[in-house]
């Protein structure tokens, strides 16, 4: 029996014609580092309830097109999960979410207190223009991002070797 992977993600797509990719990455990491204190901790339980009720309405809204329902159900079949009542269960579950749950999730999976976070950073560097740069560094050792502190691994040239190393660690 194949184990089903439960992957959650938070994605940022940031573009600039004047700032180099290293700066954009640094700002994203700074945002993530400050978001708990700035945005999450000030939330009240009543705020969480409002968000939860809005999500509940979205989750329980009937499909407007047959293709939408078919796609969702085929996805359940294709992934082998076969939870055709997923939206209803998620709608029920969202009503039980409290501020402590949001903070715990943030700490575990976004900030990475523990071993729950994995991060993939992809930078596209233009060859010309204000944001252009040389080939990106293999390390941010001397930059605004402290690679050792943040656990970043840069400059993977051989994906197969990287995968093998990861497998040996586990």
C-alpha atoms as a PDB file:
ATOM      1  CA  UNK A   1       0.000   0.000   0.000  1.00  0.00           C
ATOM      2  CA  UNK A   2       1.371   3.398  -0.988  1.00  0.00           C
ATOM      3  CA  UNK A   3       1.630   6.035   1.739  1.00  0.00           C
ATOM      4  CA  UNK A   4      -0.121   9.288   0.912  1.00  0.00           C
ATOM      5  CA  UNK A   5       2.039  12.353   1.339  1.00  0.00           C
ATOM      6  CA  UNK A   6       0.430  15.319   3.042  1.00  0.00           C
ATOM      7  CA  UNK A   7       2.131  18.398   1.690  1.00  0.00           C
ATOM      8  CA  UNK A   8       1.156  21.916   2.623  1.00  0.00           C
ATOM      9  CA  UNK A   9       2.682  24.915   0.998  1.00  0.00           C
ATOM     10  CA  UNK A  10       2.959  28.646   1.219  1.00  0.00           C
ATOM     11  CA  UNK A  11       4.127  30.221  -2.014  1.00  0.00           C
ATOM     12  CA  UNK A  12       5.477  33.637  -2.794  1.00  0.00           C
ATOM     13  CA  UNK A  13       5.952  34.927  -6.305  1.00  0.00           C
ATOM     14  CA  UNK A  14       7.853  38.188  -6.224  1.00  0.00           C
ATOM     15  CA  UNK A  15       9.155  40.004  -9.259  1.00  0.00           C
ATOM     16  CA  UNK A  16      11.227  43.139  -9.572  1.00  0.00           C
ATOM     17  CA  UNK A  17      12.909  44.878 -12.456  1.00  0.00           C
ATOM     18  CA  UNK A  18      15.276  46.724 -10.101  1.00  0.00           C
ATOM     19  CA  UNK A  19      15.996  44.536  -7.055  1.00  0.00           C
ATOM     20  CA  UNK A  20      18.294  41.512  -7.369  1.00  0.00           C
ATOM     21  CA  UNK A  21      16.864  38.065  -6.531  1.00  0.00           C
ATOM     22  CA  UNK A  22      19.004  37.759  -3.391  1.00  0.00           C
ATOM     23  CA  UNK A  23      17.315  40.865  -1.972  1.00  0.00           C
ATOM     24  CA  UNK A  24      13.844  39.579  -2.821  1.00  0.00           C
ATOM     25  CA  UNK A  25      14.588  36.259  -1.127  1.00  0.00           C
ATOM     26  CA  UNK A  26      15.926  38.091   1.909  1.00  0.00           C
ATOM     27  CA  UNK A  27      12.762  40.200   2.146  1.00  0.00           C
ATOM     28  CA  UNK A  28      10.505  37.143   1.880  1.00  0.00           C
ATOM     29  CA  UNK A  29      12.414  35.416   4.681  1.00  0.00           C
ATOM     30  CA  UNK A  30      12.212  38.576   6.768  1.00  0.00           C
ATOM     31  CA  UNK A  31       8.452  38.738   6.161  1.00  0.00           C
ATOM     32  CA  UNK A  32       8.040  35.122   7.246  1.00  0.00           C
ATOM     33  CA  UNK A  33      10.132  35.795  10.348  1.00  0.00           C
ATOM     34  CA  UNK A  34       7.996  38.784  11.363  1.00  0.00           C
ATOM     35  CA  UNK A  35       4.528  37.594  10.269  1.00  0.00           C
ATOM     36  CA  UNK A  36       3.707  35.716  13.480  1.00  0.00           C
ATOM     37  CA  UNK A  37       4.247  38.734  15.706  1.00  0.00           C
ATOM     38  CA  UNK A  38       2.831  41.288  13.282  1.00  0.00           C
ATOM     39  CA  UNK A  39      -0.203  39.458  11.877  1.00  0.00           C
ATOM     40  CA  UNK A  40      -1.003  36.262  13.790  1.00  0.00           C
ATOM     41  CA  UNK A  41      -0.494  37.080  17.458  1.00  0.00           C
ATOM     42  CA  UNK A  42      -2.806  40.139  17.334  1.00  0.00           C
ATOM     43  CA  UNK A  43      -5.673  37.982  16.000  1.00  0.00           C
ATOM     44  CA  UNK A  44      -8.594  37.450  18.336  1.00  0.00           C
ATOM     45  CA  UNK A  45     -10.618  34.238  18.488  1.00  0.00           C
ATOM     46  CA  UNK A  46     -13.486  36.235  16.969  1.00  0.00           C
ATOM     47  CA  UNK A  47     -11.239  37.061  13.979  1.00  0.00           C
ATOM     48  CA  UNK A  48     -10.476  33.365  13.522  1.00  0.00           C
ATOM     49  CA  UNK A  49     -14.216  32.610  13.700  1.00  0.00           C
ATOM     50  CA  UNK A  50     -14.938  35.137  10.933  1.00  0.00           C
ATOM     51  CA  UNK A  51     -12.241  33.613   8.708  1.00  0.00           C
ATOM     52  CA  UNK A  52     -13.498  30.107   9.492  1.00  0.00           C
ATOM     53  CA  UNK A  53     -17.100  30.978   8.632  1.00  0.00           C
ATOM     54  CA  UNK A  54     -15.991  32.531   5.347  1.00  0.00           C
ATOM     55  CA  UNK A  55     -14.026  29.402   4.494  1.00  0.00           C
ATOM     56  CA  UNK A  56     -16.996  27.268   5.550  1.00  0.00           C
ATOM     57  CA  UNK A  57     -19.222  29.114   3.065  1.00  0.00           C
ATOM     58  CA  UNK A  58     -16.650  28.641   0.316  1.00  0.00           C
ATOM     59  CA  UNK A  59     -16.221  24.927   1.089  1.00  0.00           C
ATOM     60  CA  UNK A  60     -19.979  24.242   1.151  1.00  0.00           C
ATOM     61  CA  UNK A  61     -20.836  26.241  -1.964  1.00  0.00           C
ATOM     62  CA  UNK A  62     -22.205  23.891  -4.622  1.00  0.00           C
ATOM     63  CA  UNK A  63     -20.182  23.428  -7.779  1.00  0.00           C
ATOM     64  CA  UNK A  64     -21.346  25.721 -10.559  1.00  0.00           C
ATOM     65  CA  UNK A  65     -20.182  23.388 -13.316  1.00  0.00           C
ATOM     66  CA  UNK A  66     -20.255  19.631 -13.663  1.00  0.00           C
ATOM     67  CA  UNK A  67     -16.623  19.714 -14.849  1.00  0.00           C
ATOM     68  CA  UNK A  68     -15.546  21.179 -11.502  1.00  0.00           C
ATOM     69  CA  UNK A  69     -17.177  18.351  -9.563  1.00  0.00           C
ATOM     70  CA  UNK A  70     -15.837  15.725 -11.963  1.00  0.00           C
ATOM     71  CA  UNK A  71     -12.296  17.102 -11.726  1.00  0.00           C
ATOM     72  CA  UNK A  72     -12.415  17.100  -7.923  1.00  0.00           C
ATOM     73  CA  UNK A  73     -13.706  13.520  -7.819  1.00  0.00           C
ATOM     74  CA  UNK A  74     -11.189  12.286 -10.404  1.00  0.00           C
ATOM     75  CA  UNK A  75      -8.449  13.856  -8.293  1.00  0.00           C
ATOM     76  CA  UNK A  76      -9.585  11.737  -5.344  1.00  0.00           C
ATOM     77  CA  UNK A  77      -9.431   8.646  -7.538  1.00  0.00           C
ATOM     78  CA  UNK A  78      -6.078   9.532  -9.108  1.00  0.00           C
ATOM     79  CA  UNK A  79      -4.421  10.157  -5.731  1.00  0.00           C
ATOM     80  CA  UNK A  80      -5.934   7.036  -4.210  1.00  0.00           C
ATOM     81  CA  UNK A  81      -7.433   8.948  -1.288  1.00  0.00           C
ATOM     82  CA  UNK A  82     -11.071   8.328  -2.258  1.00  0.00           C
ATOM     83  CA  UNK A  83     -12.429  10.921   0.169  1.00  0.00           C
ATOM     84  CA  UNK A  84     -15.354  12.129  -1.895  1.00  0.00           C
ATOM     85  CA  UNK A  85     -16.760  13.993   1.098  1.00  0.00           C
ATOM     86  CA  UNK A  86     -13.497  15.881   1.672  1.00  0.00           C
ATOM     87  CA  UNK A  87     -15.082  19.344   1.335  1.00  0.00           C
ATOM     88  CA  UNK A  88     -17.757  18.536   3.922  1.00  0.00           C
ATOM     89  CA  UNK A  89     -15.171  17.161   6.365  1.00  0.00           C
ATOM     90  CA  UNK A  90     -12.913  20.175   5.823  1.00  0.00           C
ATOM     91  CA  UNK A  91     -15.895  22.476   6.387  1.00  0.00           C
ATOM     92  CA  UNK A  92     -16.634  20.758   9.691  1.00  0.00           C
ATOM     93  CA  UNK A  93     -12.997  20.816  10.739  1.00  0.00           C
ATOM     94  CA  UNK A  94     -12.472  24.497   9.955  1.00  0.00           C
ATOM     95  CA  UNK A  95     -15.023  25.420  12.620  1.00  0.00           C
ATOM     96  CA  UNK A  96     -12.829  23.820  15.288  1.00  0.00           C
ATOM     97  CA  UNK A  97      -9.714  25.871  14.437  1.00  0.00           C
ATOM     98  CA  UNK A  98      -8.538  28.217  17.189  1.00  0.00           C
ATOM     99  CA  UNK A  99      -5.796  30.806  17.359  1.00  0.00           C
ATOM    100  CA  UNK A 100      -3.482  28.346  19.113  1.00  0.00           C
ATOM    101  CA  UNK A 101      -3.879  25.963  16.161  1.00  0.00           C
ATOM    102  CA  UNK A 102      -2.892  28.687  13.691  1.00  0.00           C
ATOM    103  CA  UNK A 103       0.156  29.656  15.771  1.00  0.00           C
ATOM    104  CA  UNK A 104       1.219  26.036  16.205  1.00  0.00           C
ATOM    105  CA  UNK A 105       0.882  25.374  12.478  1.00  0.00           C
ATOM    106  CA  UNK A 106       2.900  28.502  11.680  1.00  0.00           C
ATOM    107  CA  UNK A 107       5.650  27.548  14.112  1.00  0.00           C
ATOM    108  CA  UNK A 108       5.887  23.957  12.874  1.00  0.00           C
ATOM    109  CA  UNK A 109       5.473  24.204   9.125  1.00  0.00           C
ATOM    110  CA  UNK A 110       6.293  27.772   8.137  1.00  0.00           C
ATOM    111  CA  UNK A 111       8.937  28.956  10.589  1.00  0.00           C
ATOM    112  CA  UNK A 112      10.171  25.427  11.137  1.00  0.00           C
ATOM    113  CA  UNK A 113      10.448  25.138  14.915  1.00  0.00           C
ATOM    114  CA  UNK A 114      10.984  21.415  14.847  1.00  0.00           C
ATOM    115  CA  UNK A 115      11.511  19.408  11.691  1.00  0.00           C
ATOM    116  CA  UNK A 116       8.318  20.294   9.822  1.00  0.00           C
ATOM    117  CA  UNK A 117       9.581  22.864   7.327  1.00  0.00           C
ATOM    118  CA  UNK A 118      11.124  22.325   3.944  1.00  0.00           C
ATOM    119  CA  UNK A 119      11.848  25.268   1.705  1.00  0.00           C
ATOM    120  CA  UNK A 120      12.417  25.539  -2.006  1.00  0.00           C
ATOM    121  CA  UNK A 121      13.692  28.857  -3.305  1.00  0.00           C
ATOM    122  CA  UNK A 122      13.942  29.392  -7.013  1.00  0.00           C
ATOM    123  CA  UNK A 123      15.493  32.611  -8.266  1.00  0.00           C
ATOM    124  CA  UNK A 124      15.481  33.726 -11.880  1.00  0.00           C
ATOM    125  CA  UNK A 125      18.281  36.166 -12.570  1.00  0.00           C
ATOM    126  CA  UNK A 126      18.076  38.394 -15.651  1.00  0.00           C
ATOM    127  CA  UNK A 127      21.205  38.797 -17.763  1.00  0.00           C
ATOM    128  CA  UNK A 128      20.605  42.502 -18.355  1.00  0.00           C
ATOM    129  CA  UNK A 129      18.859  45.416 -16.680  1.00  0.00           C
ATOM    130  CA  UNK A 130      18.869  46.922 -13.204  1.00  0.00           C
ATOM    131  CA  UNK A 131      18.196  43.577 -11.468  1.00  0.00           C
ATOM    132  CA  UNK A 132      20.797  41.664 -13.444  1.00  0.00           C
ATOM    133  CA  UNK A 133      23.605  39.924 -11.637  1.00  0.00           C
ATOM    134  CA  UNK A 134      26.410  37.469 -12.114  1.00  0.00           C
ATOM    135  CA  UNK A 135      25.671  33.805 -11.747  1.00  0.00           C
ATOM    136  CA  UNK A 136      24.057  33.446  -8.299  1.00  0.00           C
ATOM    137  CA  UNK A 137      26.333  32.527  -5.439  1.00  0.00           C
ATOM    138  CA  UNK A 138      26.485  28.961  -4.189  1.00  0.00           C
ATOM    139  CA  UNK A 139      26.216  30.342  -0.679  1.00  0.00           C
ATOM    140  CA  UNK A 140      24.743  33.396   0.971  1.00  0.00           C
ATOM    141  CA  UNK A 141      27.496  33.223   3.589  1.00  0.00           C
ATOM    142  CA  UNK A 142      28.538  36.851   3.105  1.00  0.00           C
ATOM    143  CA  UNK A 143      25.133  38.246   2.319  1.00  0.00           C
ATOM    144  CA  UNK A 144      22.021  39.398   4.134  1.00  0.00           C
ATOM    145  CA  UNK A 145      20.766  35.808   4.394  1.00  0.00           C
ATOM    146  CA  UNK A 146      22.497  33.688   6.995  1.00  0.00           C
ATOM    147  CA  UNK A 147      22.417  30.286   5.296  1.00  0.00           C
ATOM    148  CA  UNK A 148      23.635  28.353   8.335  1.00  0.00           C
ATOM    149  CA  UNK A 149      21.009  29.908  10.611  1.00  0.00           C
ATOM    150  CA  UNK A 150      18.146  29.505   8.147  1.00  0.00           C
ATOM    151  CA  UNK A 151      19.168  26.000   7.051  1.00  0.00           C
ATOM    152  CA  UNK A 152      19.390  27.000   3.393  1.00  0.00           C
ATOM    153  CA  UNK A 153      21.307  24.772   1.033  1.00  0.00           C
ATOM    154  CA  UNK A 154      22.286  26.557  -2.140  1.00  0.00           C
ATOM    155  CA  UNK A 155      23.820  25.618  -5.438  1.00  0.00           C
ATOM    156  CA  UNK A 156      22.576  22.109  -6.048  1.00  0.00           C
ATOM    157  CA  UNK A 157      24.120  21.124  -9.364  1.00  0.00           C
ATOM    158  CA  UNK A 158      23.510  17.387  -9.249  1.00  0.00           C
ATOM    159  CA  UNK A 159      19.934  16.542  -8.291  1.00  0.00           C
ATOM    160  CA  UNK A 160      20.611  12.783  -8.147  1.00  0.00           C
ATOM    161  CA  UNK A 161      23.486  13.248  -5.652  1.00  0.00           C
ATOM    162  CA  UNK A 162      21.317  15.576  -3.581  1.00  0.00           C
ATOM    163  CA  UNK A 163      18.492  13.042  -3.456  1.00  0.00           C
ATOM    164  CA  UNK A 164      20.901  10.262  -2.486  1.00  0.00           C
ATOM    165  CA  UNK A 165      22.338  12.378   0.333  1.00  0.00           C
ATOM    166  CA  UNK A 166      18.802  13.136   1.602  1.00  0.00           C
ATOM    167  CA  UNK A 167      17.913   9.430   1.572  1.00  0.00           C
ATOM    168  CA  UNK A 168      21.066   8.583   3.552  1.00  0.00           C
ATOM    169  CA  UNK A 169      20.094  11.179   6.190  1.00  0.00           C
ATOM    170  CA  UNK A 170      16.738   9.502   6.843  1.00  0.00           C
END
